[in-house]
N, C-alpha and C. Protein backbone atom coordinates (compact mmCIF):
# COMPACT_ATOMS: atom_id res chain seq x y z
N UNK A 1 111.20 136.82 80.99
CA UNK A 1 109.88 136.29 80.70
C UNK A 1 109.73 134.91 81.33
N UNK A 2 108.66 134.69 82.04
CA UNK A 2 108.40 133.44 82.73
C UNK A 2 107.78 132.42 81.78
N UNK A 3 108.35 131.25 81.73
CA UNK A 3 107.82 130.18 80.90
C UNK A 3 107.53 128.98 81.81
N UNK A 4 106.28 128.91 82.31
CA UNK A 4 105.89 127.86 83.25
C UNK A 4 106.04 126.46 82.68
N UNK A 5 105.75 126.29 81.38
CA UNK A 5 105.88 124.97 80.77
C UNK A 5 107.34 124.52 80.76
N UNK A 6 108.26 125.45 80.47
CA UNK A 6 109.68 125.11 80.46
C UNK A 6 110.14 124.76 81.87
N UNK A 7 109.73 125.56 82.85
CA UNK A 7 110.12 125.29 84.23
C UNK A 7 109.61 123.92 84.67
N UNK A 8 108.35 123.63 84.36
CA UNK A 8 107.78 122.33 84.72
C UNK A 8 108.54 121.19 84.02
N UNK A 9 108.90 121.40 82.76
CA UNK A 9 109.64 120.38 82.02
C UNK A 9 111.03 120.16 82.62
N UNK A 10 111.71 121.25 82.98
CA UNK A 10 113.03 121.14 83.60
C UNK A 10 112.92 120.40 84.94
N UNK A 11 111.90 120.73 85.72
CA UNK A 11 111.68 120.04 86.99
C UNK A 11 111.45 118.55 86.76
N UNK A 12 110.64 118.22 85.78
CA UNK A 12 110.36 116.81 85.46
C UNK A 12 111.62 116.05 85.08
N UNK A 13 112.44 116.64 84.22
CA UNK A 13 113.67 115.99 83.81
C UNK A 13 114.62 115.82 84.98
N UNK A 14 114.76 116.87 85.79
CA UNK A 14 115.65 116.80 86.96
C UNK A 14 115.13 115.78 87.97
N UNK A 15 113.83 115.79 88.23
CA UNK A 15 113.25 114.87 89.21
C UNK A 15 113.47 113.42 88.78
N UNK A 16 113.26 113.12 87.52
CA UNK A 16 113.44 111.76 87.02
C UNK A 16 114.91 111.34 87.10
N UNK A 17 115.81 112.23 86.71
CA UNK A 17 117.24 111.91 86.76
C UNK A 17 117.70 111.70 88.20
N UNK A 18 117.23 112.53 89.12
CA UNK A 18 117.59 112.37 90.53
C UNK A 18 117.00 111.08 91.07
N UNK A 19 115.76 110.78 90.74
CA UNK A 19 115.13 109.53 91.20
C UNK A 19 115.91 108.32 90.69
N UNK A 20 116.30 108.33 89.43
CA UNK A 20 117.08 107.23 88.88
C UNK A 20 118.42 107.09 89.60
N UNK A 21 119.08 108.20 89.82
CA UNK A 21 120.38 108.20 90.50
C UNK A 21 120.23 107.63 91.91
N UNK A 22 119.28 108.10 92.65
CA UNK A 22 119.07 107.64 94.02
C UNK A 22 118.68 106.17 94.04
N UNK A 23 117.75 105.78 93.18
CA UNK A 23 117.31 104.38 93.15
C UNK A 23 118.46 103.45 92.80
N UNK A 24 119.22 103.80 91.76
CA UNK A 24 120.34 102.95 91.36
C UNK A 24 121.37 102.81 92.49
N UNK A 25 121.73 103.91 93.11
CA UNK A 25 122.76 103.87 94.16
C UNK A 25 122.27 103.16 95.41
N UNK A 26 121.03 103.37 95.81
CA UNK A 26 120.55 102.74 97.04
C UNK A 26 120.33 101.24 96.87
N UNK A 27 119.79 100.84 95.74
CA UNK A 27 119.56 99.40 95.54
C UNK A 27 120.89 98.66 95.40
N UNK A 28 121.84 99.29 94.76
CA UNK A 28 123.17 98.69 94.62
C UNK A 28 123.87 98.57 95.98
N UNK A 29 123.69 99.56 96.84
CA UNK A 29 124.37 99.58 98.14
C UNK A 29 123.99 98.39 99.01
N UNK A 30 122.74 97.96 98.95
CA UNK A 30 122.29 96.87 99.82
C UNK A 30 121.90 95.62 99.04
N UNK A 31 121.92 95.69 97.73
CA UNK A 31 121.57 94.52 96.93
C UNK A 31 120.11 94.12 97.08
N UNK A 32 119.24 95.11 97.20
CA UNK A 32 117.80 94.85 97.34
C UNK A 32 117.04 95.67 96.30
N UNK A 33 115.76 95.38 96.18
CA UNK A 33 114.90 96.12 95.26
C UNK A 33 114.67 97.53 95.80
N UNK A 34 114.08 98.38 94.97
CA UNK A 34 113.76 99.75 95.40
C UNK A 34 112.79 99.72 96.58
N UNK A 35 111.78 98.85 96.54
CA UNK A 35 110.86 98.77 97.67
C UNK A 35 111.54 98.16 98.88
N UNK A 36 112.45 97.23 98.67
CA UNK A 36 113.21 96.66 99.79
C UNK A 36 114.10 97.70 100.44
N UNK A 37 114.71 98.56 99.62
CA UNK A 37 115.54 99.65 100.16
C UNK A 37 114.68 100.59 101.01
N UNK A 38 113.53 100.97 100.48
CA UNK A 38 112.63 101.85 101.23
C UNK A 38 112.18 101.18 102.52
N UNK A 39 111.87 99.89 102.46
CA UNK A 39 111.43 99.16 103.65
C UNK A 39 112.51 99.15 104.73
N UNK A 40 113.75 98.95 104.35
CA UNK A 40 114.83 98.94 105.34
C UNK A 40 114.98 100.31 106.00
N UNK A 41 114.87 101.36 105.21
CA UNK A 41 114.98 102.71 105.78
C UNK A 41 113.79 102.99 106.71
N UNK A 42 112.59 102.61 106.28
CA UNK A 42 111.40 102.81 107.11
C UNK A 42 111.53 102.02 108.41
N UNK A 43 111.96 100.76 108.31
CA UNK A 43 112.07 99.93 109.52
C UNK A 43 113.18 100.41 110.45
N UNK A 44 114.20 101.04 109.90
CA UNK A 44 115.26 101.56 110.78
C UNK A 44 114.72 102.70 111.63
N UNK A 45 113.74 103.44 111.11
CA UNK A 45 113.13 104.54 111.86
C UNK A 45 111.94 104.06 112.69
N UNK A 46 111.25 103.02 112.22
CA UNK A 46 110.03 102.53 112.89
C UNK A 46 110.02 101.00 112.92
N UNK A 47 110.89 100.38 113.72
CA UNK A 47 110.89 98.92 113.76
C UNK A 47 109.60 98.38 114.36
N UNK A 48 109.24 97.18 113.93
CA UNK A 48 108.08 96.52 114.51
C UNK A 48 106.77 96.77 113.79
N UNK A 49 106.82 97.38 112.61
CA UNK A 49 105.59 97.59 111.84
C UNK A 49 105.04 96.26 111.38
N UNK A 50 103.74 96.20 111.17
CA UNK A 50 103.15 95.01 110.56
C UNK A 50 103.53 94.99 109.08
N UNK A 51 103.41 93.83 108.47
CA UNK A 51 103.69 93.71 107.04
C UNK A 51 102.77 94.64 106.25
N UNK A 52 101.50 94.70 106.64
CA UNK A 52 100.54 95.54 105.94
C UNK A 52 100.91 97.01 106.06
N UNK A 53 101.26 97.46 107.28
CA UNK A 53 101.63 98.86 107.47
C UNK A 53 102.92 99.19 106.74
N UNK A 54 103.88 98.28 106.78
CA UNK A 54 105.13 98.50 106.05
C UNK A 54 104.84 98.65 104.56
N UNK A 55 103.99 97.79 104.03
CA UNK A 55 103.62 97.90 102.62
C UNK A 55 102.97 99.23 102.31
N UNK A 56 102.08 99.69 103.19
CA UNK A 56 101.43 100.99 102.97
C UNK A 56 102.46 102.10 102.92
N UNK A 57 103.45 102.04 103.81
CA UNK A 57 104.44 103.10 103.87
C UNK A 57 105.41 103.11 102.69
N UNK A 58 105.55 101.98 102.01
CA UNK A 58 106.44 101.96 100.85
C UNK A 58 105.67 101.84 99.53
N UNK A 59 104.34 101.88 99.61
CA UNK A 59 103.53 101.90 98.40
C UNK A 59 103.26 100.55 97.79
N UNK A 60 103.15 99.51 98.62
CA UNK A 60 102.89 98.16 98.11
C UNK A 60 101.59 97.61 98.70
N UNK A 61 100.93 96.75 97.93
CA UNK A 61 99.78 96.03 98.46
C UNK A 61 100.26 95.04 99.52
N UNK A 62 99.34 94.51 100.30
CA UNK A 62 99.73 93.55 101.34
C UNK A 62 100.41 92.31 100.75
N UNK A 63 99.88 91.71 99.67
CA UNK A 63 100.57 90.54 99.11
C UNK A 63 101.98 90.88 98.59
N UNK A 64 102.12 92.03 97.94
CA UNK A 64 103.44 92.43 97.44
C UNK A 64 104.39 92.72 98.61
N UNK A 65 103.86 93.33 99.67
CA UNK A 65 104.68 93.60 100.85
C UNK A 65 105.14 92.28 101.49
N UNK A 66 104.25 91.29 101.55
CA UNK A 66 104.62 89.99 102.12
C UNK A 66 105.75 89.35 101.30
N UNK A 67 105.66 89.44 99.98
CA UNK A 67 106.73 88.89 99.13
C UNK A 67 108.04 89.65 99.34
N UNK A 68 107.95 90.97 99.47
CA UNK A 68 109.15 91.77 99.70
C UNK A 68 109.78 91.39 101.05
N UNK A 69 108.96 91.25 102.09
CA UNK A 69 109.48 90.85 103.41
C UNK A 69 110.09 89.46 103.32
N UNK A 70 109.48 88.55 102.55
CA UNK A 70 110.07 87.22 102.35
C UNK A 70 111.50 87.34 101.81
N UNK A 71 111.68 88.20 100.80
CA UNK A 71 113.01 88.33 100.19
C UNK A 71 113.99 88.99 101.15
N UNK A 72 113.52 89.98 101.93
CA UNK A 72 114.41 90.61 102.91
C UNK A 72 114.77 89.63 104.03
N UNK A 73 113.81 88.78 104.41
CA UNK A 73 114.09 87.79 105.44
C UNK A 73 115.06 86.73 104.91
N UNK A 74 114.91 86.32 103.67
CA UNK A 74 115.83 85.35 103.07
C UNK A 74 117.26 85.89 103.02
N UNK A 75 117.39 87.20 102.90
CA UNK A 75 118.71 87.85 102.88
C UNK A 75 119.19 88.19 104.29
N UNK A 76 118.45 87.75 105.32
CA UNK A 76 118.78 88.00 106.74
C UNK A 76 118.83 89.49 107.07
N UNK A 77 117.95 90.27 106.44
CA UNK A 77 117.88 91.71 106.70
C UNK A 77 116.74 92.07 107.64
N UNK A 78 115.72 91.20 107.73
CA UNK A 78 114.60 91.41 108.65
C UNK A 78 114.19 90.07 109.25
N UNK A 79 113.48 90.17 110.36
CA UNK A 79 112.84 89.00 111.00
C UNK A 79 111.38 89.33 111.21
N UNK A 80 110.56 88.31 111.10
CA UNK A 80 109.15 88.43 111.45
C UNK A 80 108.97 87.96 112.89
N UNK A 81 108.08 88.66 113.61
CA UNK A 81 107.76 88.26 114.98
C UNK A 81 106.24 88.32 115.14
N UNK A 82 105.69 87.39 115.92
CA UNK A 82 104.24 87.44 116.15
C UNK A 82 103.85 88.74 116.82
N UNK A 83 102.76 89.30 116.37
CA UNK A 83 102.22 90.53 116.96
C UNK A 83 100.85 90.24 117.54
N UNK A 84 100.09 91.27 117.83
CA UNK A 84 98.74 91.05 118.39
C UNK A 84 97.82 90.38 117.37
N UNK A 85 97.03 89.43 117.84
CA UNK A 85 96.09 88.75 116.93
C UNK A 85 96.84 87.99 115.85
N UNK A 86 96.44 88.24 114.62
CA UNK A 86 97.08 87.57 113.49
C UNK A 86 98.21 88.40 112.89
N UNK A 87 98.44 89.58 113.46
CA UNK A 87 99.45 90.47 112.94
C UNK A 87 100.86 89.90 113.12
N UNK A 88 101.70 90.24 112.17
CA UNK A 88 103.11 89.86 112.24
C UNK A 88 103.91 91.14 112.17
N UNK A 89 104.83 91.30 113.12
CA UNK A 89 105.66 92.51 113.12
C UNK A 89 106.98 92.21 112.42
N UNK A 90 107.52 93.22 111.79
CA UNK A 90 108.77 93.08 111.04
C UNK A 90 109.83 93.92 111.74
N UNK A 91 110.95 93.28 112.06
CA UNK A 91 112.06 93.94 112.74
C UNK A 91 113.31 93.84 111.85
N UNK A 92 114.07 94.91 111.73
CA UNK A 92 115.34 94.77 111.01
C UNK A 92 116.34 94.00 111.86
N UNK A 93 117.14 93.18 111.23
CA UNK A 93 118.24 92.52 111.92
C UNK A 93 119.40 93.50 112.02
N UNK A 94 120.48 93.11 112.67
CA UNK A 94 121.64 94.01 112.70
C UNK A 94 122.16 94.24 111.28
N UNK A 95 122.11 93.20 110.45
CA UNK A 95 122.52 93.36 109.05
C UNK A 95 121.55 94.31 108.33
N UNK A 96 120.26 94.25 108.66
CA UNK A 96 119.29 95.15 108.05
C UNK A 96 119.51 96.59 108.47
N UNK A 97 119.83 96.81 109.74
CA UNK A 97 120.12 98.18 110.21
C UNK A 97 121.39 98.70 109.53
N UNK A 98 122.38 97.84 109.39
CA UNK A 98 123.61 98.25 108.70
C UNK A 98 123.31 98.58 107.23
N UNK A 99 122.50 97.75 106.59
CA UNK A 99 122.13 98.00 105.19
C UNK A 99 121.39 99.33 105.05
N UNK A 100 120.50 99.63 106.00
CA UNK A 100 119.77 100.91 105.97
C UNK A 100 120.75 102.07 106.07
N UNK A 101 121.74 101.94 106.91
CA UNK A 101 122.76 102.99 107.04
C UNK A 101 123.53 103.15 105.73
N UNK A 102 123.89 102.04 105.11
CA UNK A 102 124.58 102.09 103.81
C UNK A 102 123.69 102.74 102.74
N UNK A 103 122.41 102.41 102.78
CA UNK A 103 121.45 102.98 101.82
C UNK A 103 121.37 104.49 101.95
N UNK A 104 121.28 104.97 103.19
CA UNK A 104 121.17 106.41 103.39
C UNK A 104 122.44 107.13 102.95
N UNK A 105 123.59 106.50 103.18
CA UNK A 105 124.85 107.09 102.71
C UNK A 105 124.89 107.09 101.18
N UNK A 106 124.48 105.98 100.58
CA UNK A 106 124.47 105.88 99.11
C UNK A 106 123.48 106.87 98.51
N UNK A 107 122.41 107.16 99.20
CA UNK A 107 121.43 108.15 98.74
C UNK A 107 122.00 109.56 98.90
N UNK A 108 122.62 109.82 100.02
CA UNK A 108 123.09 111.16 100.34
C UNK A 108 124.28 111.64 99.53
N UNK A 109 125.19 110.74 99.21
CA UNK A 109 126.41 111.17 98.51
C UNK A 109 126.13 111.80 97.15
N UNK A 110 125.38 111.16 96.26
CA UNK A 110 125.15 111.81 94.96
C UNK A 110 124.29 113.07 95.07
N UNK A 111 123.37 113.09 96.04
CA UNK A 111 122.54 114.29 96.23
C UNK A 111 123.40 115.44 96.74
N UNK A 112 124.29 115.14 97.68
CA UNK A 112 125.20 116.17 98.19
C UNK A 112 126.11 116.70 97.11
N UNK A 113 126.60 115.80 96.28
CA UNK A 113 127.48 116.21 95.18
C UNK A 113 126.72 117.08 94.19
N UNK A 114 125.49 116.73 93.92
CA UNK A 114 124.67 117.50 92.99
C UNK A 114 124.41 118.91 93.53
N UNK A 115 124.05 119.01 94.78
CA UNK A 115 123.74 120.29 95.40
C UNK A 115 125.01 121.15 95.56
N UNK A 116 126.17 120.50 95.60
CA UNK A 116 127.41 121.24 95.81
C UNK A 116 127.76 122.19 94.66
N UNK A 117 127.11 122.04 93.50
CA UNK A 117 127.37 122.98 92.41
C UNK A 117 126.74 124.34 92.69
N UNK A 118 125.88 124.41 93.70
CA UNK A 118 125.22 125.66 94.07
C UNK A 118 125.99 126.33 95.21
N UNK A 119 126.04 127.66 95.20
CA UNK A 119 126.67 128.34 96.34
C UNK A 119 125.70 128.31 97.52
N UNK A 120 126.15 128.79 98.66
CA UNK A 120 125.36 128.70 99.89
C UNK A 120 124.00 129.39 99.76
N UNK A 121 123.96 130.55 99.17
CA UNK A 121 122.69 131.26 98.98
C UNK A 121 121.75 130.51 98.07
N UNK A 122 122.29 129.94 97.00
CA UNK A 122 121.47 129.15 96.08
C UNK A 122 120.93 127.90 96.77
N UNK A 123 121.77 127.28 97.62
CA UNK A 123 121.32 126.11 98.36
C UNK A 123 120.18 126.47 99.32
N UNK A 124 120.29 127.62 99.98
CA UNK A 124 119.22 128.08 100.87
C UNK A 124 117.93 128.33 100.08
N UNK A 125 118.07 128.97 98.92
CA UNK A 125 116.90 129.23 98.08
C UNK A 125 116.28 127.92 97.61
N UNK A 126 117.12 127.00 97.17
CA UNK A 126 116.61 125.70 96.71
C UNK A 126 115.90 124.98 97.86
N UNK A 127 116.47 125.01 99.06
CA UNK A 127 115.83 124.36 100.22
C UNK A 127 114.45 124.96 100.47
N UNK A 128 114.34 126.27 100.39
CA UNK A 128 113.04 126.93 100.59
C UNK A 128 112.05 126.52 99.50
N UNK A 129 112.50 126.47 98.26
CA UNK A 129 111.63 126.09 97.16
C UNK A 129 111.21 124.62 97.26
N UNK A 130 112.15 123.75 97.63
CA UNK A 130 111.82 122.34 97.78
C UNK A 130 110.83 122.13 98.92
N UNK A 131 111.00 122.88 100.01
CA UNK A 131 110.05 122.77 101.13
C UNK A 131 108.65 123.14 100.65
N UNK A 132 108.55 124.18 99.84
CA UNK A 132 107.24 124.60 99.31
C UNK A 132 106.65 123.53 98.39
N UNK A 133 107.50 122.94 97.53
CA UNK A 133 107.03 121.89 96.63
C UNK A 133 106.63 120.64 97.40
N UNK A 134 107.40 120.28 98.42
CA UNK A 134 107.07 119.10 99.23
C UNK A 134 105.76 119.29 99.98
N UNK A 135 105.51 120.50 100.45
CA UNK A 135 104.24 120.80 101.11
C UNK A 135 103.09 120.56 100.13
N UNK A 136 103.26 121.01 98.91
CA UNK A 136 102.23 120.81 97.87
C UNK A 136 102.09 119.32 97.54
N UNK A 137 103.23 118.63 97.43
CA UNK A 137 103.18 117.19 97.14
C UNK A 137 102.46 116.43 98.23
N UNK A 138 102.64 116.86 99.48
CA UNK A 138 101.95 116.18 100.57
C UNK A 138 100.43 116.26 100.37
N UNK A 139 99.94 117.40 99.91
CA UNK A 139 98.49 117.53 99.70
C UNK A 139 98.02 116.58 98.60
N UNK A 140 98.89 116.23 97.68
CA UNK A 140 98.53 115.29 96.61
C UNK A 140 98.69 113.84 97.05
N UNK A 141 99.80 113.53 97.74
CA UNK A 141 100.11 112.16 98.14
C UNK A 141 99.32 111.78 99.39
N UNK A 142 99.24 112.69 100.36
CA UNK A 142 98.46 112.46 101.57
C UNK A 142 99.08 111.55 102.60
N UNK A 143 100.34 111.18 102.41
CA UNK A 143 101.00 110.28 103.36
C UNK A 143 102.45 110.71 103.52
N UNK A 144 102.79 111.17 104.72
CA UNK A 144 104.18 111.55 104.97
C UNK A 144 105.08 110.32 104.91
N UNK A 145 104.57 109.17 105.37
CA UNK A 145 105.39 107.95 105.35
C UNK A 145 105.75 107.55 103.93
N UNK A 146 104.80 107.62 103.03
CA UNK A 146 105.06 107.26 101.65
C UNK A 146 105.97 108.29 100.98
N UNK A 147 105.69 109.55 101.19
CA UNK A 147 106.48 110.61 100.58
C UNK A 147 107.92 110.58 101.06
N UNK A 148 108.13 110.24 102.32
CA UNK A 148 109.46 110.30 102.93
C UNK A 148 110.07 108.92 103.14
N UNK A 149 109.69 107.94 102.34
CA UNK A 149 110.11 106.56 102.57
C UNK A 149 111.61 106.34 102.46
N UNK A 150 112.33 107.20 101.76
CA UNK A 150 113.79 107.07 101.67
C UNK A 150 114.49 108.28 102.29
N UNK A 151 113.80 109.00 103.13
CA UNK A 151 114.39 110.20 103.73
C UNK A 151 115.41 109.86 104.80
N UNK A 152 116.44 110.67 104.86
CA UNK A 152 117.38 110.67 105.97
C UNK A 152 116.78 111.63 106.99
N UNK A 153 115.98 111.10 107.89
CA UNK A 153 115.19 111.93 108.79
C UNK A 153 116.05 112.83 109.66
N UNK A 154 117.21 112.36 110.07
CA UNK A 154 118.07 113.19 110.92
C UNK A 154 118.54 114.43 110.18
N UNK A 155 118.95 114.29 108.92
CA UNK A 155 119.43 115.46 108.19
C UNK A 155 118.28 116.39 107.80
N UNK A 156 117.09 115.84 107.63
CA UNK A 156 115.94 116.66 107.24
C UNK A 156 115.57 117.65 108.33
N UNK A 157 115.72 117.24 109.57
CA UNK A 157 115.26 118.08 110.68
C UNK A 157 116.42 118.71 111.45
N UNK A 158 117.63 118.64 110.93
CA UNK A 158 118.79 119.17 111.66
C UNK A 158 118.75 120.69 111.80
N UNK A 159 118.30 121.39 110.76
CA UNK A 159 118.35 122.86 110.81
C UNK A 159 116.99 123.55 110.67
N UNK A 160 115.94 122.77 110.43
CA UNK A 160 114.60 123.34 110.26
C UNK A 160 113.59 122.21 110.41
N UNK A 161 112.33 122.55 110.66
CA UNK A 161 111.30 121.50 110.72
C UNK A 161 111.11 120.84 109.35
N UNK A 162 110.75 119.58 109.37
CA UNK A 162 110.45 118.87 108.12
C UNK A 162 109.20 119.48 107.49
N UNK A 163 109.26 119.91 106.24
CA UNK A 163 108.08 120.52 105.61
C UNK A 163 106.93 119.54 105.43
N UNK A 164 107.25 118.27 105.24
CA UNK A 164 106.19 117.28 105.06
C UNK A 164 105.49 117.03 106.40
N UNK A 165 106.28 116.88 107.46
CA UNK A 165 105.70 116.72 108.79
C UNK A 165 104.87 117.91 109.19
N UNK A 166 105.35 119.10 108.85
CA UNK A 166 104.60 120.33 109.15
C UNK A 166 103.28 120.34 108.39
N UNK A 167 103.31 119.97 107.12
CA UNK A 167 102.08 119.93 106.32
C UNK A 167 101.10 118.91 106.89
N UNK A 168 101.62 117.79 107.35
CA UNK A 168 100.77 116.76 107.94
C UNK A 168 100.11 117.27 109.23
N UNK A 169 100.90 117.91 110.07
CA UNK A 169 100.35 118.47 111.32
C UNK A 169 99.28 119.52 111.02
N UNK A 170 99.53 120.35 110.02
CA UNK A 170 98.57 121.41 109.67
C UNK A 170 97.26 120.84 109.15
N UNK A 171 97.32 119.66 108.55
CA UNK A 171 96.10 119.02 108.05
C UNK A 171 95.45 118.14 109.12
N UNK A 172 96.08 118.07 110.30
CA UNK A 172 95.49 117.32 111.41
C UNK A 172 95.52 115.83 111.26
N UNK A 173 96.48 115.32 110.52
CA UNK A 173 96.58 113.86 110.34
C UNK A 173 97.53 113.25 111.32
């Protein structure tokens, strides 16, 4: 017998526990806030974003993004550079790129350990189900950058297309 409320509740509990695990491990790995961790990962994939665009991609207002960049710059993880007009571009330093690498490892290890309790067939089924859920989440969130702000992009696309990127392309964004 299918119990949709139970399934939704189990998903909610698992999602929250996984989010807590990932957030705790990634912030501890680089000694930065959750938004700072996301910013370092985003900048490692897309260096040179403006402060405003970086904030948009990690879910922060422009003033909050400026404060976050201030703290990352004080920790020698990013540098600001003049951009076109009044824009300021943000570049990760070598320490920032190293921190992003540590963050992705810290994110991947507990997730890999968690998934390892499933056999290969179950992992394939879970991957298919997660791809379907992420496609649906994209329609709600509307931003692949925000949805994938802590993604290990290389592992996401190693064996199949990214479901979020595919959903974005299908919506013509």
